[in-house]
Amino acid sequence: MSFPSGFGPPLARERLVSSLAAEPPRLDLAALAIATLGREDLDAPACLRTLDALGARVQVEAERLREKGEALAPLRALRHVLADIEGFRGNEEDYHAPDNSFLDQVLERKVGLPITLSVLYLEVARRAGIPLYGVPFPGHFLVACDAGDHKLVMDPFHHGDILTEHGCEELLKRVAPQLKFDRSMLAPAPVELIAYRMLSNLRRVYLGRDDSQQGLAVVDLLLLLAPDHPGELRTRASLLTTMGAFRAALKDVERCLELSPDAPDRERLEMSARELRERAELLN
């Protein structure tokens, strides 16, 4: 996979590229790469050691539950260690805080978003030998594992609750009532998609706060993952224009025109391109 150059923090870009280039891609390293947007000097090795220690504890607990004949021993062990003992939970009081999207902060504060807590569950489960995978459920990320002809779904945001298919339907009614439940919503998510969704959450947070600089860093990483995404190109062009980087903004607008010659907003894009050329020329 090749990546374009961009405007975001080089450390975050470098680490994200490295994590996705690994075989297989490393979700823990991708999440920590994103976390450098909040704290560039974060101690990634310490975070990995914390995940290792949690994984070892889950492994021991799962074995104890198996010896007792406990049904669903691995999942119950995961939930017991992370939710019951360690107290990891969803941050419902301050849901839109940027720290909820940063894995290092989740490990430290023990609160986060559905997707960041799911990353925690996935990486601890991987270390404990539990075949868990991420589920990009609409509006609320989940984790699951296959159990014969059905799936066992967990909700890390709500204390690792184990959901039936009916439970997933009820959850969808709360988080995305306009949608009808379909089993395809429980399909596994690759690492690249999980990283993209984590970044999308951050983009909404920073743009909602009119933080152009952090917003630009996040959108740049989104375009690292999806270089020709028309919406992200438009967003970056707007941010670059606001920050006075007219030539860079012009490149994104021209790329939008190239990708979508019949776009409904073509006239507006062409007008933006003309204005950006004029502004760029004034800088000469």
Protein backbone atom coordinates (compact mmCIF):
# COMPACT_ATOMS: atom_id res chain seq x y z
CA MET A 1 0.00 0.00 0.00
CA SER A 2 1.40 3.40 -0.96
CA PHE A 3 0.45 6.64 0.75
CA PRO A 4 0.47 10.25 -0.49
CA SER A 5 2.36 13.02 1.25
CA GLY A 6 0.28 15.37 3.37
CA PHE A 7 0.05 18.09 5.99
CA GLY A 8 -0.47 16.18 9.23
CA PRO A 9 2.08 15.55 12.01
CA PRO A 10 4.85 13.41 10.51
CA LEU A 11 5.08 11.14 13.58
CA ALA A 12 1.40 10.18 13.38
CA ARG A 13 1.65 9.58 9.63
CA GLU A 14 4.84 7.54 9.94
CA ARG A 15 3.47 5.33 12.71
CA LEU A 16 0.10 4.84 11.03
CA VAL A 17 1.74 3.81 7.76
CA SER A 18 4.04 1.40 9.62
CA SER A 19 1.17 -0.18 11.57
CA LEU A 20 -0.89 -0.80 8.44
CA ALA A 21 2.10 -2.11 6.49
CA ALA A 22 2.72 -4.83 9.10
CA GLU A 23 1.66 -8.38 8.27
CA PRO A 24 -0.97 -8.67 9.57
CA PRO A 25 -1.79 -4.98 10.18
CA ARG A 26 -1.39 -3.95 13.83
CA LEU A 27 -4.50 -2.40 15.33
CA ASP A 28 -2.79 -1.54 18.62
CA LEU A 29 -0.02 0.39 16.83
CA ALA A 30 -2.54 2.11 14.53
CA ALA A 31 -4.54 3.28 17.55
CA LEU A 32 -1.39 4.54 19.27
CA ALA A 33 -0.36 6.35 16.07
CA ILE A 34 -3.70 8.18 16.16
CA ALA A 35 -3.17 8.89 19.86
CA THR A 36 -0.01 10.87 19.07
CA LEU A 37 -2.37 13.57 17.76
CA GLY A 38 -3.25 14.22 21.39
CA ARG A 39 0.13 13.55 22.99
CA GLU A 40 3.13 13.31 20.70
CA ASP A 41 5.43 12.12 23.49
CA LEU A 42 3.17 9.26 24.62
CA ASP A 43 4.99 6.16 25.84
CA ALA A 44 3.87 3.57 23.27
CA PRO A 45 5.97 0.71 24.73
CA ALA A 46 4.37 1.29 28.15
CA CYS A 47 0.91 1.11 26.58
CA LEU A 48 1.82 -2.16 24.87
CA ARG A 49 3.11 -3.58 28.16
CA THR A 50 -0.21 -2.67 29.81
CA LEU A 51 -2.09 -4.52 27.07
CA ASP A 52 0.25 -7.51 27.48
CA ALA A 53 -0.38 -7.62 31.22
CA LEU A 54 -4.14 -7.41 30.78
CA GLY A 55 -4.01 -10.18 28.19
CA ALA A 56 -2.07 -12.44 30.57
CA ARG A 57 -4.62 -11.84 33.34
CA VAL A 58 -7.53 -12.65 31.01
CA GLN A 59 -5.79 -15.86 29.95
CA VAL A 60 -5.43 -16.97 33.57
CA GLU A 61 -9.04 -16.06 34.36
CA ALA A 62 -10.34 -17.88 31.27
CA GLU A 63 -8.52 -21.04 32.34
CA ARG A 64 -9.98 -20.77 35.84
CA LEU A 65 -13.50 -20.44 34.43
CA ARG A 66 -12.98 -23.37 32.05
CA GLU A 67 -11.98 -25.58 34.98
CA LYS A 68 -15.24 -24.62 36.68
CA GLY A 69 -17.16 -25.59 33.53
CA GLU A 70 -18.22 -22.01 32.90
CA ALA A 71 -19.98 -21.47 29.57
CA LEU A 72 -18.39 -18.78 27.40
CA ALA A 73 -15.32 -18.80 29.65
CA PRO A 74 -13.07 -16.66 27.36
CA LEU A 75 -15.62 -13.86 26.89
CA ARG A 76 -16.66 -13.89 30.52
CA ALA A 77 -13.00 -13.72 31.56
CA LEU A 78 -12.42 -10.76 29.22
CA ARG A 79 -15.43 -8.94 30.61
CA HIS A 80 -14.56 -9.77 34.22
CA VAL A 81 -11.01 -8.42 34.00
CA LEU A 82 -11.70 -5.34 31.87
CA ALA A 83 -15.13 -4.25 33.11
CA ASP A 84 -15.63 -5.75 36.58
CA ILE A 85 -12.09 -5.51 37.95
CA GLU A 86 -10.42 -2.72 35.96
CA GLY A 87 -13.61 -0.69 35.49
CA PHE A 88 -13.26 0.23 31.81
CA ARG A 89 -16.51 1.84 30.70
CA GLY A 90 -18.05 4.28 28.27
CA ASN A 91 -17.61 7.97 28.98
CA GLU A 92 -21.24 9.04 28.87
CA GLU A 93 -20.61 12.19 30.92
CA ASP A 94 -18.14 13.73 28.45
CA TYR A 95 -18.71 11.68 25.30
CA HIS A 96 -17.23 14.18 22.83
CA ALA A 97 -13.92 14.81 24.60
CA PRO A 98 -10.96 14.14 22.26
CA ASP A 99 -9.24 11.99 24.92
CA ASN A 100 -11.96 9.35 24.47
CA SER A 101 -10.45 8.61 21.04
CA PHE A 102 -6.88 8.14 22.26
CA LEU A 103 -5.92 4.63 23.38
CA ASP A 104 -3.22 5.82 25.80
CA GLN A 105 -5.77 8.02 27.55
CA VAL A 106 -8.33 5.22 27.67
CA LEU A 107 -5.75 2.97 29.34
CA GLU A 108 -4.96 5.73 31.84
CA ARG A 109 -8.47 7.10 32.54
CA LYS A 110 -10.44 3.87 31.91
CA VAL A 111 -13.18 5.63 29.96
CA GLY A 112 -13.63 6.06 26.23
CA LEU A 113 -15.80 5.75 23.14
CA PRO A 114 -17.33 2.49 21.89
CA ILE A 115 -14.65 2.14 19.21
CA THR A 116 -11.66 2.91 21.45
CA LEU A 117 -12.89 0.53 24.13
CA SER A 118 -13.46 -2.04 21.38
CA VAL A 119 -9.81 -1.63 20.34
CA LEU A 120 -8.86 -2.30 23.95
CA TYR A 121 -11.01 -5.46 24.06
CA LEU A 122 -9.70 -6.65 20.69
CA GLU A 123 -6.05 -6.21 21.60
CA VAL A 124 -6.37 -7.76 25.06
CA ALA A 125 -8.35 -10.66 23.54
CA ARG A 126 -5.68 -11.18 20.86
CA ARG A 127 -3.03 -11.44 23.52
CA ALA A 128 -5.18 -13.92 25.47
CA GLY A 129 -5.79 -16.10 22.40
CA ILE A 130 -9.48 -15.18 22.07
CA PRO A 131 -10.62 -14.89 18.40
CA LEU A 132 -12.49 -11.60 18.72
CA TYR A 133 -13.10 -9.19 15.83
CA GLY A 134 -14.37 -5.65 15.47
CA VAL A 135 -17.93 -4.97 14.32
CA PRO A 136 -18.59 -1.59 12.62
CA PHE A 137 -22.17 -1.46 13.87
CA PRO A 138 -23.99 1.74 12.82
CA GLY A 139 -23.45 4.45 15.41
CA HIS A 140 -21.91 2.14 18.02
CA PHE A 141 -18.82 -0.02 17.51
CA LEU A 142 -18.96 -3.56 18.94
CA VAL A 143 -16.82 -6.70 19.09
CA ALA A 144 -17.84 -10.30 18.37
CA CYS A 145 -16.68 -13.87 17.92
CA ASP A 146 -18.14 -16.77 15.98
CA ALA A 147 -19.79 -19.56 17.95
CA GLY A 148 -20.93 -22.28 15.59
CA ASP A 149 -23.78 -21.01 13.46
CA HIS A 150 -24.22 -17.75 15.38
CA LYS A 151 -22.22 -14.82 16.71
CA LEU A 152 -21.56 -13.72 20.27
CA VAL A 153 -21.48 -9.93 20.41
CA MET A 154 -20.03 -7.78 23.18
CA ASP A 155 -20.60 -4.10 23.91
CA PRO A 156 -17.40 -2.71 25.51
CA PHE A 157 -19.04 0.71 26.06
CA HIS A 158 -21.66 -0.86 28.33
CA HIS A 159 -19.44 -2.95 30.64
CA GLY A 160 -18.78 -5.64 28.05
CA ASP A 161 -22.39 -6.81 27.98
CA ILE A 162 -22.92 -9.90 25.82
CA LEU A 163 -25.68 -9.26 23.29
CA THR A 164 -27.97 -11.62 21.43
CA GLU A 165 -29.09 -10.78 17.92
CA HIS A 166 -32.27 -9.36 19.46
CA GLY A 167 -30.10 -7.24 21.73
CA CYS A 168 -28.31 -5.87 18.67
CA GLU A 169 -31.68 -4.99 17.12
CA GLU A 170 -32.67 -3.11 20.29
CA LEU A 171 -29.33 -1.29 20.34
CA LEU A 172 -29.83 -0.21 16.71
CA LYS A 173 -33.23 1.26 17.59
CA ARG A 174 -31.47 3.49 20.11
CA VAL A 175 -28.39 4.56 18.14
CA ALA A 176 -29.70 4.58 14.55
CA PRO A 177 -33.50 4.22 14.59
CA GLN A 178 -33.76 5.13 10.90
CA LEU A 179 -32.06 1.82 9.96
CA LYS A 180 -33.43 -1.70 9.91
CA PHE A 181 -31.28 -4.41 11.48
CA ASP A 182 -29.49 -6.77 9.12
CA ARG A 183 -27.02 -9.51 10.03
CA SER A 184 -24.50 -7.99 7.61
CA MET A 185 -24.11 -5.20 10.19
CA LEU A 186 -22.19 -7.73 12.30
CA ALA A 187 -19.54 -8.44 9.63
CA PRO A 188 -15.87 -8.15 10.73
CA ALA A 189 -14.07 -4.83 10.24
CA PRO A 190 -10.47 -4.77 8.92
CA VAL A 191 -7.87 -2.69 10.75
CA GLU A 192 -7.93 0.03 8.07
CA LEU A 193 -11.68 0.53 8.56
CA ILE A 194 -11.35 0.69 12.34
CA ALA A 195 -8.61 3.33 12.03
CA TYR A 196 -10.73 5.30 9.55
CA ARG A 197 -13.73 5.24 11.87
CA MET A 198 -11.61 6.34 14.85
CA LEU A 199 -10.34 9.28 12.82
CA SER A 200 -13.85 10.14 11.61
CA ASN A 201 -14.94 10.49 15.23
CA LEU A 202 -12.01 12.82 15.92
CA ARG A 203 -12.74 14.89 12.82
CA ARG A 204 -16.28 15.54 14.04
CA VAL A 205 -14.99 16.54 17.48
CA TYR A 206 -12.36 18.99 16.24
CA LEU A 207 -14.46 20.54 13.48
CA GLY A 208 -17.31 20.91 15.95
CA ARG A 209 -14.91 22.92 18.11
CA ASP A 210 -13.66 25.00 15.14
CA ASP A 211 -10.16 23.67 15.79
CA SER A 212 -8.82 23.98 12.25
CA GLN A 213 -5.28 22.91 13.04
CA GLN A 214 -6.23 19.63 14.75
CA GLY A 215 -9.03 19.11 12.27
CA LEU A 216 -6.56 19.39 9.41
CA ALA A 217 -4.22 16.86 11.05
CA VAL A 218 -7.07 14.36 11.34
CA VAL A 219 -8.44 14.91 7.82
CA ASP A 220 -4.92 14.50 6.46
CA LEU A 221 -4.71 11.05 8.09
CA LEU A 222 -8.14 10.18 6.72
CA LEU A 223 -6.86 11.03 3.24
CA LEU A 224 -3.82 8.90 3.96
CA LEU A 225 -6.24 5.97 4.21
CA ALA A 226 -8.59 7.08 1.41
CA PRO A 227 -6.61 9.44 -0.86
CA ASP A 228 -9.45 10.15 -3.29
CA HIS A 229 -12.34 10.51 -0.86
CA PRO A 230 -14.28 13.48 -2.30
CA GLY A 231 -15.77 14.57 1.02
CA GLU A 232 -12.43 14.57 2.82
CA LEU A 233 -10.76 16.40 -0.07
CA ARG A 234 -13.42 19.11 0.12
CA THR A 235 -13.03 19.34 3.89
CA ARG A 236 -9.25 19.65 3.67
CA ALA A 237 -9.52 22.27 0.94
CA SER A 238 -11.83 24.30 3.17
CA LEU A 239 -9.50 24.01 6.17
CA LEU A 240 -6.43 24.90 4.11
CA THR A 241 -8.24 27.93 2.70
CA THR A 242 -9.14 29.08 6.20
CA MET A 243 -5.49 28.77 7.19
CA GLY A 244 -4.28 30.68 4.12
CA ALA A 245 -2.66 27.70 2.33
CA PHE A 246 -4.28 28.60 -0.99
CA ARG A 247 -2.03 26.60 -3.32
CA ALA A 248 -2.50 23.42 -1.30
CA ALA A 249 -6.26 24.01 -1.15
CA LEU A 250 -6.32 24.52 -4.92
CA LYS A 251 -4.71 21.11 -5.46
CA ASP A 252 -7.49 19.44 -3.47
CA VAL A 253 -10.23 21.32 -5.32
CA GLU A 254 -8.68 20.46 -8.69
CA ARG A 255 -8.46 16.82 -7.60
CA CYS A 256 -12.18 16.88 -6.74
CA LEU A 257 -12.95 18.23 -10.22
CA GLU A 258 -10.77 15.58 -11.79
CA LEU A 259 -12.38 12.74 -9.83
CA SER A 260 -15.99 13.90 -10.28
CA PRO A 261 -16.40 15.88 -13.51
CA ASP A 262 -20.20 15.59 -13.17
CA ALA A 263 -20.40 16.43 -9.46
CA PRO A 264 -23.59 18.32 -8.47
CA ASP A 265 -21.44 21.07 -6.96
CA ARG A 266 -19.09 21.35 -9.95
CA GLU A 267 -19.97 25.00 -10.56
CA ARG A 268 -19.13 25.88 -6.96
CA LEU A 269 -15.88 23.89 -7.15
CA GLU A 270 -14.85 25.71 -10.33
CA MET A 271 -15.59 29.05 -8.67
CA SER A 272 -13.52 28.02 -5.65
CA ALA A 273 -10.66 27.01 -7.95
CA ARG A 274 -10.70 30.41 -9.67
CA GLU A 275 -10.72 32.26 -6.35
CA LEU A 276 -7.88 30.13 -4.98
CA ARG A 277 -5.76 30.74 -8.10
CA GLU A 278 -6.29 34.48 -7.70
CA ARG A 279 -5.36 34.38 -4.04
CA ALA A 280 -2.29 32.24 -4.73
CA GLU A 281 -1.14 34.67 -7.43
CA LEU A 282 -1.41 37.59 -4.98
CA LEU A 283 1.08 35.80 -2.75
CA ASN A 284 3.75 35.83 -5.50
